[in-house]
């Protein structure tokens, strides 16, 4: 019987982090505001809203779950050939959980090999993608070269 290759489901936080890094930001802040989870990419004292999810939506629930996970255990990702470490924290903002994710570039000597896995999109993610104006429908992943 053939062994299945590991599959990676697209991460909402990684997608937002990638967008923030490409904008030059080093921080993501996610807070509840008037029924929405608002995502801001920031550098220093300047921030720019990059996404907004209705708080009761499945994508907002998945986003909060993922942010709680990153607050417990940092994560690494690659953007443009450079590695970044995502370090999360949770804080109270008017009685609601708010999140801060630091986007730290990993120095050359501290890098680890991030094995590329074939990206597949879960049915749930595909249903969510495109539902928020700043969260467009993803392109199909390119075929894997052996």
C-alpha atoms as a PDB file:
ATOM      1  CA  UNK A   1       0.000   0.000   0.000  1.00  0.00           C
ATOM      2  CA  UNK A   2       1.417   3.397  -0.984  1.00  0.00           C
ATOM      3  CA  UNK A   3       2.276   5.793   1.804  1.00  0.00           C
ATOM      4  CA  UNK A   4       0.463   9.113   1.601  1.00  0.00           C
ATOM      5  CA  UNK A   5       2.661  12.191   1.451  1.00  0.00           C
ATOM      6  CA  UNK A   6       2.034  14.784   4.177  1.00  0.00           C
ATOM      7  CA  UNK A   7      -0.280  17.593   3.218  1.00  0.00           C
ATOM      8  CA  UNK A   8      -0.273  21.093   4.567  1.00  0.00           C
ATOM      9  CA  UNK A   9      -3.449  23.083   4.963  1.00  0.00           C
ATOM     10  CA  UNK A  10      -3.132  26.834   4.438  1.00  0.00           C
ATOM     11  CA  UNK A  11      -2.871  28.784   7.680  1.00  0.00           C
ATOM     12  CA  UNK A  12      -4.932  31.955   8.019  1.00  0.00           C
ATOM     13  CA  UNK A  13      -2.303  33.493  10.325  1.00  0.00           C
ATOM     14  CA  UNK A  14       0.545  32.625   7.945  1.00  0.00           C
ATOM     15  CA  UNK A  15      -1.378  34.137   5.042  1.00  0.00           C
ATOM     16  CA  UNK A  16      -1.947  37.347   7.036  1.00  0.00           C
ATOM     17  CA  UNK A  17       1.676  37.365   8.249  1.00  0.00           C
ATOM     18  CA  UNK A  18       2.928  36.990   4.671  1.00  0.00           C
ATOM     19  CA  UNK A  19       0.821  39.959   3.595  1.00  0.00           C
ATOM     20  CA  UNK A  20       2.071  42.023   6.569  1.00  0.00           C
ATOM     21  CA  UNK A  21       5.739  41.142   5.939  1.00  0.00           C
ATOM     22  CA  UNK A  22       5.415  42.132   2.291  1.00  0.00           C
ATOM     23  CA  UNK A  23       4.034  45.487   3.478  1.00  0.00           C
ATOM     24  CA  UNK A  24       7.118  45.931   5.679  1.00  0.00           C
ATOM     25  CA  UNK A  25       5.335  45.306   8.988  1.00  0.00           C
ATOM     26  CA  UNK A  26       6.875  43.526  11.953  1.00  0.00           C
ATOM     27  CA  UNK A  27       3.701  43.059  14.005  1.00  0.00           C
ATOM     28  CA  UNK A  28       0.136  41.809  13.570  1.00  0.00           C
ATOM     29  CA  UNK A  29      -2.538  42.937  16.009  1.00  0.00           C
ATOM     30  CA  UNK A  30      -5.940  41.303  16.050  1.00  0.00           C
ATOM     31  CA  UNK A  31      -8.719  42.861  18.130  1.00  0.00           C
ATOM     32  CA  UNK A  32     -12.482  42.598  18.402  1.00  0.00           C
ATOM     33  CA  UNK A  33     -14.291  45.750  17.295  1.00  0.00           C
ATOM     34  CA  UNK A  34     -18.034  46.124  16.720  1.00  0.00           C
ATOM     35  CA  UNK A  35     -18.698  42.495  15.805  1.00  0.00           C
ATOM     36  CA  UNK A  36     -15.534  41.947  13.779  1.00  0.00           C
ATOM     37  CA  UNK A  37     -12.020  40.641  14.329  1.00  0.00           C
ATOM     38  CA  UNK A  38      -9.868  43.393  12.843  1.00  0.00           C
ATOM     39  CA  UNK A  39      -6.337  42.573  11.689  1.00  0.00           C
ATOM     40  CA  UNK A  40      -3.762  45.367  11.622  1.00  0.00           C
ATOM     41  CA  UNK A  41      -0.230  45.113  10.224  1.00  0.00           C
ATOM     42  CA  UNK A  42       2.065  47.511  12.081  1.00  0.00           C
ATOM     43  CA  UNK A  43       5.610  48.820  12.042  1.00  0.00           C
ATOM     44  CA  UNK A  44       6.488  51.006  14.995  1.00  0.00           C
ATOM     45  CA  UNK A  45       3.573  53.328  15.741  1.00  0.00           C
ATOM     46  CA  UNK A  46       2.034  53.052  12.270  1.00  0.00           C
ATOM     47  CA  UNK A  47      -0.533  50.396  11.407  1.00  0.00           C
ATOM     48  CA  UNK A  48      -2.690  49.490   8.432  1.00  0.00           C
ATOM     49  CA  UNK A  49      -5.841  47.348   8.510  1.00  0.00           C
ATOM     50  CA  UNK A  50      -5.333  44.356   6.225  1.00  0.00           C
ATOM     51  CA  UNK A  51      -8.336  42.140   7.010  1.00  0.00           C
ATOM     52  CA  UNK A  52     -11.635  42.021   8.862  1.00  0.00           C
ATOM     53  CA  UNK A  53     -13.637  38.926   9.770  1.00  0.00           C
ATOM     54  CA  UNK A  54     -17.126  38.807  11.273  1.00  0.00           C
ATOM     55  CA  UNK A  55     -16.496  37.468  14.793  1.00  0.00           C
ATOM     56  CA  UNK A  56     -19.148  34.776  14.506  1.00  0.00           C
ATOM     57  CA  UNK A  57     -17.832  33.487  11.165  1.00  0.00           C
ATOM     58  CA  UNK A  58     -15.994  30.150  10.864  1.00  0.00           C
ATOM     59  CA  UNK A  59     -12.841  31.924   9.631  1.00  0.00           C
ATOM     60  CA  UNK A  60     -12.755  34.173  12.731  1.00  0.00           C
ATOM     61  CA  UNK A  61     -13.200  31.145  14.994  1.00  0.00           C
ATOM     62  CA  UNK A  62     -10.360  29.343  13.163  1.00  0.00           C
ATOM     63  CA  UNK A  63      -8.216  32.489  13.317  1.00  0.00           C
ATOM     64  CA  UNK A  64      -8.668  32.818  17.110  1.00  0.00           C
ATOM     65  CA  UNK A  65      -7.883  29.115  17.641  1.00  0.00           C
ATOM     66  CA  UNK A  66      -4.723  29.429  15.580  1.00  0.00           C
ATOM     67  CA  UNK A  67      -3.674  32.607  17.435  1.00  0.00           C
ATOM     68  CA  UNK A  68      -4.109  30.878  20.803  1.00  0.00           C
ATOM     69  CA  UNK A  69      -1.864  28.084  19.499  1.00  0.00           C
ATOM     70  CA  UNK A  70       0.835  30.531  18.370  1.00  0.00           C
ATOM     71  CA  UNK A  71       0.667  32.219  21.785  1.00  0.00           C
ATOM     72  CA  UNK A  72       1.555  28.834  23.329  1.00  0.00           C
ATOM     73  CA  UNK A  73       4.192  27.793  20.780  1.00  0.00           C
ATOM     74  CA  UNK A  74       6.025  30.017  18.309  1.00  0.00           C
ATOM     75  CA  UNK A  75       6.003  29.087  14.636  1.00  0.00           C
ATOM     76  CA  UNK A  76       8.399  29.550  11.714  1.00  0.00           C
ATOM     77  CA  UNK A  77       7.551  30.311   8.124  1.00  0.00           C
ATOM     78  CA  UNK A  78       9.366  31.353   4.958  1.00  0.00           C
ATOM     79  CA  UNK A  79       8.587  34.462   2.922  1.00  0.00           C
ATOM     80  CA  UNK A  80      10.608  35.310  -0.161  1.00  0.00           C
ATOM     81  CA  UNK A  81      13.422  32.936   0.772  1.00  0.00           C
ATOM     82  CA  UNK A  82      13.781  34.428   4.276  1.00  0.00           C
ATOM     83  CA  UNK A  83      12.645  32.753   7.476  1.00  0.00           C
ATOM     84  CA  UNK A  84      10.429  34.464  10.013  1.00  0.00           C
ATOM     85  CA  UNK A  85       9.413  33.457  13.495  1.00  0.00           C
ATOM     86  CA  UNK A  86       5.870  34.184  14.616  1.00  0.00           C
ATOM     87  CA  UNK A  87       5.672  34.855  18.365  1.00  0.00           C
ATOM     88  CA  UNK A  88       2.191  35.356  19.711  1.00  0.00           C
ATOM     89  CA  UNK A  89       0.700  36.769  22.863  1.00  0.00           C
ATOM     90  CA  UNK A  90      -2.827  37.243  24.174  1.00  0.00           C
ATOM     91  CA  UNK A  91      -3.965  40.278  26.145  1.00  0.00           C
ATOM     92  CA  UNK A  92      -7.233  41.697  27.439  1.00  0.00           C
ATOM     93  CA  UNK A  93      -8.852  44.503  25.469  1.00  0.00           C
ATOM     94  CA  UNK A  94     -12.081  45.691  27.086  1.00  0.00           C
ATOM     95  CA  UNK A  95     -12.966  42.182  28.270  1.00  0.00           C
ATOM     96  CA  UNK A  96     -12.146  40.467  24.969  1.00  0.00           C
ATOM     97  CA  UNK A  97      -9.062  38.468  23.991  1.00  0.00           C
ATOM     98  CA  UNK A  98      -6.814  40.475  21.696  1.00  0.00           C
ATOM     99  CA  UNK A  99      -3.722  39.098  20.001  1.00  0.00           C
ATOM    100  CA  UNK A 100      -0.286  40.361  19.088  1.00  0.00           C
ATOM    101  CA  UNK A 101       1.964  38.393  16.732  1.00  0.00           C
ATOM    102  CA  UNK A 102       5.566  39.549  16.373  1.00  0.00           C
ATOM    103  CA  UNK A 103       7.040  38.861  12.938  1.00  0.00           C
ATOM    104  CA  UNK A 104      10.759  38.370  13.595  1.00  0.00           C
ATOM    105  CA  UNK A 105      13.223  37.684  10.826  1.00  0.00           C
ATOM    106  CA  UNK A 106      15.453  34.719  11.741  1.00  0.00           C
ATOM    107  CA  UNK A 107      19.209  35.497  11.462  1.00  0.00           C
ATOM    108  CA  UNK A 108      21.225  33.412   8.977  1.00  0.00           C
ATOM    109  CA  UNK A 109      22.972  31.232  11.602  1.00  0.00           C
ATOM    110  CA  UNK A 110      19.745  30.270  13.386  1.00  0.00           C
ATOM    111  CA  UNK A 111      17.786  29.018  10.414  1.00  0.00           C
ATOM    112  CA  UNK A 112      16.332  25.571  10.186  1.00  0.00           C
ATOM    113  CA  UNK A 113      15.471  23.666   7.047  1.00  0.00           C
ATOM    114  CA  UNK A 114      11.796  24.117   6.326  1.00  0.00           C
ATOM    115  CA  UNK A 115      10.840  21.212   4.114  1.00  0.00           C
ATOM    116  CA  UNK A 116       8.345  22.273   1.482  1.00  0.00           C
ATOM    117  CA  UNK A 117       5.204  20.218   1.558  1.00  0.00           C
ATOM    118  CA  UNK A 118       2.679  20.064  -1.191  1.00  0.00           C
ATOM    119  CA  UNK A 119       0.065  22.629  -0.316  1.00  0.00           C
ATOM    120  CA  UNK A 120      -3.510  21.529  -0.601  1.00  0.00           C
ATOM    121  CA  UNK A 121      -6.498  23.607   0.273  1.00  0.00           C
ATOM    122  CA  UNK A 122      -9.033  22.153   2.665  1.00  0.00           C
ATOM    123  CA  UNK A 123     -12.678  22.333   1.625  1.00  0.00           C
ATOM    124  CA  UNK A 124     -13.374  24.523   4.672  1.00  0.00           C
ATOM    125  CA  UNK A 125     -10.602  26.970   3.750  1.00  0.00           C
ATOM    126  CA  UNK A 126     -11.772  27.185   0.138  1.00  0.00           C
ATOM    127  CA  UNK A 127     -15.286  27.992   1.341  1.00  0.00           C
ATOM    128  CA  UNK A 128     -13.871  30.749   3.560  1.00  0.00           C
ATOM    129  CA  UNK A 129     -11.440  32.200   1.055  1.00  0.00           C
ATOM    130  CA  UNK A 130     -12.838  35.119  -0.821  1.00  0.00           C
ATOM    131  CA  UNK A 131     -15.485  35.763   1.829  1.00  0.00           C
ATOM    132  CA  UNK A 132     -13.597  38.792   3.217  1.00  0.00           C
ATOM    133  CA  UNK A 133     -12.605  41.604   0.806  1.00  0.00           C
ATOM    134  CA  UNK A 134      -8.943  41.582   1.901  1.00  0.00           C
ATOM    135  CA  UNK A 135      -8.687  37.785   1.926  1.00  0.00           C
ATOM    136  CA  UNK A 136      -8.864  36.800  -1.765  1.00  0.00           C
ATOM    137  CA  UNK A 137      -9.451  33.372  -3.192  1.00  0.00           C
ATOM    138  CA  UNK A 138      -6.087  31.517  -3.401  1.00  0.00           C
ATOM    139  CA  UNK A 139      -4.500  30.335  -6.611  1.00  0.00           C
ATOM    140  CA  UNK A 140      -4.006  26.617  -7.078  1.00  0.00           C
ATOM    141  CA  UNK A 141      -0.649  25.428  -5.833  1.00  0.00           C
ATOM    142  CA  UNK A 142       1.872  24.581  -8.568  1.00  0.00           C
ATOM    143  CA  UNK A 143       2.525  20.900  -9.304  1.00  0.00           C
ATOM    144  CA  UNK A 144       5.287  19.390  -7.191  1.00  0.00           C
ATOM    145  CA  UNK A 145       8.549  18.617  -8.964  1.00  0.00           C
ATOM    146  CA  UNK A 146      10.209  15.347  -8.007  1.00  0.00           C
END
